Amino acid sequence: HQTFSEYEKLKDREVFFQLNTISLSGYYSLTTKKVSEKLIDAGMIDFLGSDLHSFQYLKLLEKSLYEPALAKLLNSGKLKNQSL
């Protein structure tokens, strides 16, 4: 992962960020989960997606649904998914 200032530089250049919902489950790594939560806290996530390539990922997605960070993101009003 990049330093957080690198993410901020990208946002300053108006780059959109998409979060893979499964990142919040901790499946990829604890670091990935923490960075995802920090990006949500900073209001930097624009789109929410998923990697449902197999049934294995469905359980991970379900686990992610109970993460407080996901609720925060969904209630933020900042997601642009509806514009797609």
PDB file of N, CA and C in Angstrom:
ATOM      1  N   HIS A   1       0.834  -1.195   0.000  1.00  0.00           N
ATOM      2  CA  HIS A   1       0.000   0.000   0.000  1.00  0.00           C
ATOM      3  C   HIS A   1       0.869   1.246   0.000  1.00  0.00           C
ATOM      4  N   GLN A   2       0.356   2.240  -0.655  1.00  0.00           N
ATOM      5  CA  GLN A   2       1.036   3.524  -0.699  1.00  0.00           C
ATOM      6  C   GLN A   2       0.866   4.226   0.635  1.00  0.00           C
ATOM      7  N   THR A   3       1.653   5.262   0.831  1.00  0.00           N
ATOM      8  CA  THR A   3       1.400   6.088   2.005  1.00  0.00           C
ATOM      9  C   THR A   3       0.089   6.829   1.769  1.00  0.00           C
ATOM     10  N   PHE A   4      -0.575   7.200   2.835  1.00  0.00           N
ATOM     11  CA  PHE A   4      -1.890   7.824   2.689  1.00  0.00           C
ATOM     12  C   PHE A   4      -1.811   9.124   1.904  1.00  0.00           C
ATOM     13  N   SER A   5      -0.699   9.819   1.998  1.00  0.00           N
ATOM     14  CA  SER A   5      -0.556  11.075   1.250  1.00  0.00           C
ATOM     15  C   SER A   5      -0.616  10.836  -0.260  1.00  0.00           C
ATOM     16  N   GLU A   6      -0.223   9.648  -0.699  1.00  0.00           N
ATOM     17  CA  GLU A   6      -0.318   9.330  -2.128  1.00  0.00           C
ATOM     18  C   GLU A   6      -1.783   9.217  -2.555  1.00  0.00           C
ATOM     19  N   TYR A   7      -2.607   8.641  -1.706  1.00  0.00           N
ATOM     20  CA  TYR A   7      -4.047   8.589  -1.992  1.00  0.00           C
ATOM     21  C   TYR A   7      -4.616  10.008  -2.053  1.00  0.00           C
ATOM     22  N   GLU A   8      -4.187  10.851  -1.124  1.00  0.00           N
ATOM     23  CA  GLU A   8      -4.664  12.241  -1.099  1.00  0.00           C
ATOM     24  C   GLU A   8      -4.256  12.990  -2.363  1.00  0.00           C
ATOM     25  N   LYS A   9      -3.059  12.737  -2.856  1.00  0.00           N
ATOM     26  CA  LYS A   9      -2.612  13.377  -4.097  1.00  0.00           C
ATOM     27  C   LYS A   9      -3.491  12.957  -5.271  1.00  0.00           C
ATOM     28  N   LEU A  10      -3.852  11.686  -5.310  1.00  0.00           N
ATOM     29  CA  LEU A  10      -4.732  11.211  -6.379  1.00  0.00           C
ATOM     30  C   LEU A  10      -6.106  11.867  -6.297  1.00  0.00           C
ATOM     31  N   LYS A  11      -6.645  11.983  -5.084  1.00  0.00           N
ATOM     32  CA  LYS A  11      -7.948  12.633  -4.918  1.00  0.00           C
ATOM     33  C   LYS A  11      -7.878  14.103  -5.310  1.00  0.00           C
ATOM     34  N   ASP A  12      -6.761  14.750  -5.010  1.00  0.00           N
ATOM     35  CA  ASP A  12      -6.581  16.146  -5.409  1.00  0.00           C
ATOM     36  C   ASP A  12      -6.612  16.299  -6.928  1.00  0.00           C
ATOM     37  N   ARG A  13      -6.288  15.226  -7.640  1.00  0.00           N
ATOM     38  CA  ARG A  13      -6.320  15.230  -9.104  1.00  0.00           C
ATOM     39  C   ARG A  13      -7.670  14.727  -9.624  1.00  0.00           C
ATOM     40  N   GLU A  14      -8.641  14.631  -8.710  1.00  0.00           N
ATOM     41  CA  GLU A  14     -10.015  14.242  -9.025  1.00  0.00           C
ATOM     42  C   GLU A  14     -10.145  12.803  -9.533  1.00  0.00           C
ATOM     43  N   VAL A  15      -9.261  11.922  -9.044  1.00  0.00           N
ATOM     44  CA  VAL A  15      -9.356  10.499  -9.364  1.00  0.00           C
ATOM     45  C   VAL A  15     -10.460   9.886  -8.509  1.00  0.00           C
ATOM     46  N   PHE A  16     -11.311   9.070  -9.122  1.00  0.00           N
ATOM     47  CA  PHE A  16     -12.356   8.366  -8.384  1.00  0.00           C
ATOM     48  C   PHE A  16     -11.780   7.098  -7.772  1.00  0.00           C
ATOM     49  N   PHE A  17     -12.232   6.771  -6.569  1.00  0.00           N
ATOM     50  CA  PHE A  17     -11.804   5.551  -5.889  1.00  0.00           C
ATOM     51  C   PHE A  17     -12.987   4.602  -5.773  1.00  0.00           C
ATOM     52  N   GLN A  18     -12.738   3.334  -6.098  1.00  0.00           N
ATOM     53  CA  GLN A  18     -13.743   2.291  -5.901  1.00  0.00           C
ATOM     54  C   GLN A  18     -13.235   1.336  -4.833  1.00  0.00           C
ATOM     55  N   LEU A  19     -14.085   1.026  -3.885  1.00  0.00           N
ATOM     56  CA  LEU A  19     -13.742   0.081  -2.829  1.00  0.00           C
ATOM     57  C   LEU A  19     -14.355  -1.271  -3.140  1.00  0.00           C
ATOM     58  N   ASN A  20     -13.547  -2.307  -3.083  1.00  0.00           N
ATOM     59  CA  ASN A  20     -14.047  -3.671  -3.159  1.00  0.00           C
ATOM     60  C   ASN A  20     -14.613  -3.996  -1.779  1.00  0.00           C
ATOM     61  N   THR A  21     -15.898  -4.242  -1.689  1.00  0.00           N
ATOM     62  CA  THR A  21     -16.570  -4.465  -0.410  1.00  0.00           C
ATOM     63  C   THR A  21     -15.868  -5.531   0.424  1.00  0.00           C
ATOM     64  N   ILE A  22     -15.353  -6.559  -0.222  1.00  0.00           N
ATOM     65  CA  ILE A  22     -14.695  -7.659   0.481  1.00  0.00           C
ATOM     66  C   ILE A  22     -13.431  -7.192   1.201  1.00  0.00           C
ATOM     67  N   SER A  23     -12.875  -6.066   0.800  1.00  0.00           N
ATOM     68  CA  SER A  23     -11.702  -5.515   1.499  1.00  0.00           C
ATOM     69  C   SER A  23     -11.995  -5.278   2.974  1.00  0.00           C
ATOM     70  N   LEU A  24     -13.249  -5.023   3.296  1.00  0.00           N
ATOM     71  CA  LEU A  24     -13.627  -4.752   4.685  1.00  0.00           C
ATOM     72  C   LEU A  24     -13.741  -6.019   5.528  1.00  0.00           C
ATOM     73  N   SER A  25     -13.692  -7.182   4.889  1.00  0.00           N
ATOM     74  CA  SER A  25     -13.789  -8.446   5.626  1.00  0.00           C
ATOM     75  C   SER A  25     -12.453  -8.855   6.233  1.00  0.00           C
ATOM     76  N   GLY A  26     -11.359  -8.243   5.766  1.00  0.00           N
ATOM     77  CA  GLY A  26     -10.033  -8.646   6.214  1.00  0.00           C
ATOM     78  C   GLY A  26      -9.453  -9.786   5.398  1.00  0.00           C
ATOM     79  N   TYR A  27     -10.156 -10.227   4.369  1.00  0.00           N
ATOM     80  CA  TYR A  27      -9.720 -11.368   3.551  1.00  0.00           C
ATOM     81  C   TYR A  27      -8.365 -11.112   2.886  1.00  0.00           C
ATOM     82  N   TYR A  28      -8.176  -9.951   2.326  1.00  0.00           N
ATOM     83  CA  TYR A  28      -6.932  -9.668   1.606  1.00  0.00           C
ATOM     84  C   TYR A  28      -5.775  -9.462   2.568  1.00  0.00           C
ATOM     85  N   SER A  29      -6.003  -8.711   3.620  1.00  0.00           N
ATOM     86  CA  SER A  29      -5.034  -8.524   4.709  1.00  0.00           C
ATOM     87  C   SER A  29      -5.637  -7.545   5.706  1.00  0.00           C
ATOM     88  N   LEU A  30      -5.090  -7.547   6.902  1.00  0.00           N
ATOM     89  CA  LEU A  30      -5.533  -6.586   7.911  1.00  0.00           C
ATOM     90  C   LEU A  30      -5.172  -5.172   7.469  1.00  0.00           C
ATOM     91  N   THR A  31      -4.024  -5.034   6.810  1.00  0.00           N
ATOM     92  CA  THR A  31      -3.604  -3.719   6.314  1.00  0.00           C
ATOM     93  C   THR A  31      -4.605  -3.187   5.292  1.00  0.00           C
ATOM     94  N   THR A  32      -5.032  -4.045   4.379  1.00  0.00           N
ATOM     95  CA  THR A  32      -6.018  -3.637   3.374  1.00  0.00           C
ATOM     96  C   THR A  32      -7.309  -3.185   4.038  1.00  0.00           C
ATOM     97  N   LYS A  33      -7.739  -3.916   5.044  1.00  0.00           N
ATOM     98  CA  LYS A  33      -8.952  -3.542   5.772  1.00  0.00           C
ATOM     99  C   LYS A  33      -8.787  -2.181   6.433  1.00  0.00           C
ATOM    100  N   LYS A  34      -7.654  -1.954   7.089  1.00  0.00           N
ATOM    101  CA  LYS A  34      -7.414  -0.688   7.799  1.00  0.00           C
ATOM    102  C   LYS A  34      -7.345   0.486   6.824  1.00  0.00           C
ATOM    103  N   VAL A  35      -6.667   0.297   5.696  1.00  0.00           N
ATOM    104  CA  VAL A  35      -6.585   1.367   4.694  1.00  0.00           C
ATOM    105  C   VAL A  35      -7.973   1.662   4.132  1.00  0.00           C
ATOM    106  N   SER A  36      -8.748   0.620   3.884  1.00  0.00           N
ATOM    107  CA  SER A  36     -10.120   0.801   3.391  1.00  0.00           C
ATOM    108  C   SER A  36     -10.945   1.618   4.377  1.00  0.00           C
ATOM    109  N   GLU A  37     -10.831   1.280   5.650  1.00  0.00           N
ATOM    110  CA  GLU A  37     -11.564   2.016   6.684  1.00  0.00           C
ATOM    111  C   GLU A  37     -11.108   3.470   6.759  1.00  0.00           C
ATOM    112  N   LYS A  38      -9.808   3.689   6.604  1.00  0.00           N
ATOM    113  CA  LYS A  38      -9.283   5.058   6.653  1.00  0.00           C
ATOM    114  C   LYS A  38      -9.777   5.875   5.451  1.00  0.00           C
ATOM    115  N   LEU A  39      -9.822   5.248   4.285  1.00  0.00           N
ATOM    116  CA  LEU A  39     -10.339   5.930   3.098  1.00  0.00           C
ATOM    117  C   LEU A  39     -11.816   6.284   3.272  1.00  0.00           C
ATOM    118  N   ILE A  40     -12.568   5.392   3.885  1.00  0.00           N
ATOM    119  CA  ILE A  40     -13.979   5.670   4.163  1.00  0.00           C
ATOM    120  C   ILE A  40     -14.091   6.823   5.150  1.00  0.00           C
ATOM    121  N   ASP A  41     -13.316   6.763   6.225  1.00  0.00           N
ATOM    122  CA  ASP A  41     -13.354   7.831   7.237  1.00  0.00           C
ATOM    123  C   ASP A  41     -13.017   9.193   6.640  1.00  0.00           C
ATOM    124  N   ALA A  42     -12.131   9.191   5.643  1.00  0.00           N
ATOM    125  CA  ALA A  42     -11.716  10.441   5.005  1.00  0.00           C
ATOM    126  C   ALA A  42     -12.692  10.889   3.916  1.00  0.00           C
ATOM    127  N   GLY A  43     -13.726  10.092   3.665  1.00  0.00           N
ATOM    128  CA  GLY A  43     -14.705  10.462   2.637  1.00  0.00           C
ATOM    129  C   GLY A  43     -14.161  10.375   1.228  1.00  0.00           C
ATOM    130  N   MET A  44     -13.224   9.458   0.995  1.00  0.00           N
ATOM    131  CA  MET A  44     -12.539   9.389  -0.288  1.00  0.00           C
ATOM    132  C   MET A  44     -13.066   8.311  -1.239  1.00  0.00           C
ATOM    133  N   ILE A  45     -14.016   7.513  -0.809  1.00  0.00           N
ATOM    134  CA  ILE A  45     -14.539   6.440  -1.660  1.00  0.00           C
ATOM    135  C   ILE A  45     -15.709   6.962  -2.488  1.00  0.00           C
ATOM    136  N   ASP A  46     -15.642   6.717  -3.798  1.00  0.00           N
ATOM    137  CA  ASP A  46     -16.672   7.192  -4.720  1.00  0.00           C
ATOM    138  C   ASP A  46     -17.618   6.087  -5.182  1.00  0.00           C
ATOM    139  N   PHE A  47     -17.088   4.881  -5.322  1.00  0.00           N
ATOM    140  CA  PHE A  47     -17.871   3.759  -5.822  1.00  0.00           C
ATOM    141  C   PHE A  47     -17.648   2.540  -4.938  1.00  0.00           C
ATOM    142  N   LEU A  48     -18.658   1.700  -4.870  1.00  0.00           N
ATOM    143  CA  LEU A  48     -18.586   0.463  -4.106  1.00  0.00           C
ATOM    144  C   LEU A  48     -18.825  -0.689  -5.066  1.00  0.00           C
ATOM    145  N   GLY A  49     -17.929  -1.671  -5.046  1.00  0.00           N
ATOM    146  CA  GLY A  49     -18.042  -2.820  -5.934  1.00  0.00           C
ATOM    147  C   GLY A  49     -17.810  -4.113  -5.184  1.00  0.00           C
ATOM    148  N   SER A  50     -17.787  -5.213  -5.929  1.00  0.00           N
ATOM    149  CA  SER A  50     -17.547  -6.519  -5.317  1.00  0.00           C
ATOM    150  C   SER A  50     -16.795  -7.410  -6.297  1.00  0.00           C
ATOM    151  N   ASP A  51     -16.093  -8.395  -5.744  1.00  0.00           N
ATOM    152  CA  ASP A  51     -15.377  -9.404  -6.532  1.00  0.00           C
ATOM    153  C   ASP A  51     -16.053 -10.752  -6.333  1.00  0.00           C
ATOM    154  N   LEU A  52     -17.194 -10.937  -6.919  1.00  0.00           N
ATOM    155  CA  LEU A  52     -17.914 -12.197  -6.742  1.00  0.00           C
ATOM    156  C   LEU A  52     -17.632 -13.131  -7.913  1.00  0.00           C
ATOM    157  N   HIS A  53     -16.396 -13.640  -7.943  1.00  0.00           N
ATOM    158  CA  HIS A  53     -16.001 -14.541  -9.017  1.00  0.00           C
ATOM    159  C   HIS A  53     -16.350 -15.990  -8.711  1.00  0.00           C
ATOM    160  N   SER A  54     -16.676 -16.285  -7.458  1.00  0.00           N
ATOM    161  CA  SER A  54     -17.065 -17.641  -7.067  1.00  0.00           C
ATOM    162  C   SER A  54     -17.897 -17.570  -5.794  1.00  0.00           C
ATOM    163  N   PHE A  55     -18.489 -18.701  -5.430  1.00  0.00           N
ATOM    164  CA  PHE A  55     -19.304 -18.744  -4.218  1.00  0.00           C
ATOM    165  C   PHE A  55     -18.482 -18.469  -2.965  1.00  0.00           C
ATOM    166  N   GLN A  56     -17.179 -18.738  -3.017  1.00  0.00           N
ATOM    167  CA  GLN A  56     -16.286 -18.460  -1.881  1.00  0.00           C
ATOM    168  C   GLN A  56     -16.386 -16.988  -1.481  1.00  0.00           C
ATOM    169  N   TYR A  57     -16.479 -16.127  -2.458  1.00  0.00           N
ATOM    170  CA  TYR A  57     -16.515 -14.694  -2.198  1.00  0.00           C
ATOM    171  C   TYR A  57     -17.855 -14.235  -1.630  1.00  0.00           C
ATOM    172  N   LEU A  58     -18.893 -15.007  -1.857  1.00  0.00           N
ATOM    173  CA  LEU A  58     -20.208 -14.641  -1.346  1.00  0.00           C
ATOM    174  C   LEU A  58     -20.214 -14.605   0.181  1.00  0.00           C
ATOM    175  N   LYS A  59     -19.567 -15.577   0.817  1.00  0.00           N
ATOM    176  CA  LYS A  59     -19.466 -15.594   2.286  1.00  0.00           C
ATOM    177  C   LYS A  59     -18.678 -14.388   2.780  1.00  0.00           C
ATOM    178  N   LEU A  60     -17.626 -14.028   2.052  1.00  0.00           N
ATOM    179  CA  LEU A  60     -16.817 -12.867   2.438  1.00  0.00           C
ATOM    180  C   LEU A  60     -17.618 -11.580   2.302  1.00  0.00           C
ATOM    181  N   LEU A  61     -18.404 -11.494   1.245  1.00  0.00           N
ATOM    182  CA  LEU A  61     -19.254 -10.318   1.064  1.00  0.00           C
ATOM    183  C   LEU A  61     -20.259 -10.226   2.207  1.00  0.00           C
ATOM    184  N   GLU A  62     -20.840 -11.352   2.558  1.00  0.00           N
ATOM    185  CA  GLU A  62     -21.798 -11.374   3.664  1.00  0.00           C
ATOM    186  C   GLU A  62     -21.139 -10.901   4.959  1.00  0.00           C
ATOM    187  N   LYS A  63     -19.916 -11.351   5.206  1.00  0.00           N
ATOM    188  CA  LYS A  63     -19.178 -10.921   6.406  1.00  0.00           C
ATOM    189  C   LYS A  63     -18.972  -9.405   6.393  1.00  0.00           C
ATOM    190  N   SER A  64     -18.688  -8.866   5.234  1.00  0.00           N
ATOM    191  CA  SER A  64     -18.439  -7.425   5.095  1.00  0.00           C
ATOM    192  C   SER A  64     -19.673  -6.589   5.404  1.00  0.00           C
ATOM    193  N   LEU A  65     -20.844  -7.154   5.188  1.00  0.00           N
ATOM    194  CA  LEU A  65     -22.090  -6.412   5.392  1.00  0.00           C
ATOM    195  C   LEU A  65     -22.292  -5.970   6.832  1.00  0.00           C
ATOM    196  N   TYR A  66     -21.605  -6.618   7.760  1.00  0.00           N
ATOM    197  CA  TYR A  66     -21.749  -6.301   9.181  1.00  0.00           C
ATOM    198  C   TYR A  66     -20.660  -5.363   9.696  1.00  0.00           C
ATOM    199  N   GLU A  67     -19.817  -4.884   8.810  1.00  0.00           N
ATOM    200  CA  GLU A  67     -18.736  -3.980   9.201  1.00  0.00           C
ATOM    201  C   GLU A  67     -19.282  -2.557   9.386  1.00  0.00           C
ATOM    202  N   PRO A  68     -18.997  -1.935  10.517  1.00  0.00           N
ATOM    203  CA  PRO A  68     -19.454  -0.553  10.746  1.00  0.00           C
ATOM    204  C   PRO A  68     -18.978   0.419   9.664  1.00  0.00           C
ATOM    205  N   ALA A  69     -17.793   0.181   9.120  1.00  0.00           N
ATOM    206  CA  ALA A  69     -17.273   1.078   8.082  1.00  0.00           C
ATOM    207  C   ALA A  69     -18.157   1.047   6.838  1.00  0.00           C
ATOM    208  N   LEU A  70     -18.709  -0.116   6.521  1.00  0.00           N
ATOM    209  CA  LEU A  70     -19.599  -0.208   5.360  1.00  0.00           C
ATOM    210  C   LEU A  70     -20.873   0.588   5.602  1.00  0.00           C
ATOM    211  N   ALA A  71     -21.427   0.473   6.787  1.00  0.00           N
ATOM    212  CA  ALA A  71     -22.627   1.255   7.119  1.00  0.00           C
ATOM    213  C   ALA A  71     -22.332   2.746   7.010  1.00  0.00           C
ATOM    214  N   LYS A  72     -21.171   3.145   7.480  1.00  0.00           N
ATOM    215  CA  LYS A  72     -20.782   4.561   7.402  1.00  0.00           C
ATOM    216  C   LYS A  72     -20.722   5.014   5.946  1.00  0.00           C
ATOM    217  N   LEU A  73     -20.113   4.191   5.095  1.00  0.00           N
ATOM    218  CA  LEU A  73     -20.003   4.533   3.682  1.00  0.00           C
ATOM    219  C   LEU A  73     -21.377   4.596   3.018  1.00  0.00           C
ATOM    220  N   LEU A  74     -22.202   3.599   3.275  1.00  0.00           N
ATOM    221  CA  LEU A  74     -23.531   3.563   2.658  1.00  0.00           C
ATOM    222  C   LEU A  74     -24.410   4.726   3.101  1.00  0.00           C
ATOM    223  N   ASN A  75     -24.215   5.187   4.313  1.00  0.00           N
ATOM    224  CA  ASN A  75     -25.015   6.292   4.847  1.00  0.00           C
ATOM    225  C   ASN A  75     -24.404   7.666   4.590  1.00  0.00           C
ATOM    226  N   SER A  76     -23.240   7.694   3.964  1.00  0.00           N
ATOM    227  CA  SER A  76     -22.539   8.965   3.760  1.00  0.00           C
ATOM    228  C   SER A  76     -23.187   9.843   2.690  1.00  0.00           C
ATOM    229  N   GLY A  77     -23.907   9.228   1.772  1.00  0.00           N
ATOM    230  CA  GLY A  77     -24.486   9.989   0.668  1.00  0.00           C
ATOM    231  C   GLY A  77     -23.473  10.383  -0.390  1.00  0.00           C
ATOM    232  N   LYS A  78     -22.250   9.866  -0.296  1.00  0.00           N
ATOM    233  CA  LYS A  78     -21.188  10.261  -1.225  1.00  0.00           C
ATOM    234  C   LYS A  78     -20.962   9.278  -2.369  1.00  0.00           C
ATOM    235  N   LEU A  79     -21.569   8.091  -2.293  1.00  0.00           N
ATOM    236  CA  LEU A  79     -21.343   7.106  -3.346  1.00  0.00           C
ATOM    237  C   LEU A  79     -21.970   7.563  -4.657  1.00  0.00           C
ATOM    238  N   LYS A  80     -21.262   7.299  -5.746  1.00  0.00           N
ATOM    239  CA  LYS A  80     -21.699   7.709  -7.074  1.00  0.00           C
ATOM    240  C   LYS A  80     -22.189   6.525  -7.915  1.00  0.00           C
ATOM    241  N   ASN A  81     -22.394   5.358  -7.301  1.00  0.00           N
ATOM    242  CA  ASN A  81     -22.814   4.176  -8.054  1.00  0.00           C
ATOM    243  C   ASN A  81     -24.065   4.435  -8.884  1.00  0.00           C
ATOM    244  N   GLN A  82     -24.991   5.207  -8.360  1.00  0.00           N
ATOM    245  CA  GLN A  82     -26.246   5.452  -9.067  1.00  0.00           C
ATOM    246  C   GLN A  82     -26.035   6.231 -10.361  1.00  0.00           C
ATOM    247  N   SER A  83     -24.875   6.839 -10.533  1.00  0.00           N
ATOM    248  CA  SER A  83     -24.603   7.608 -11.749  1.00  0.00           C
ATOM    249  C   SER A  83     -24.092   6.727 -12.894  1.00  0.00           C
ATOM    250  N   LEU A  84     -23.844   5.465 -12.606  1.00  0.00           N
ATOM    251  CA  LEU A  84     -23.320   4.571 -13.652  1.00  0.00           C
ATOM    252  C   LEU A  84     -24.402   4.112 -14.595  1.00  0.00           C
TER     253      LEU A  84
END
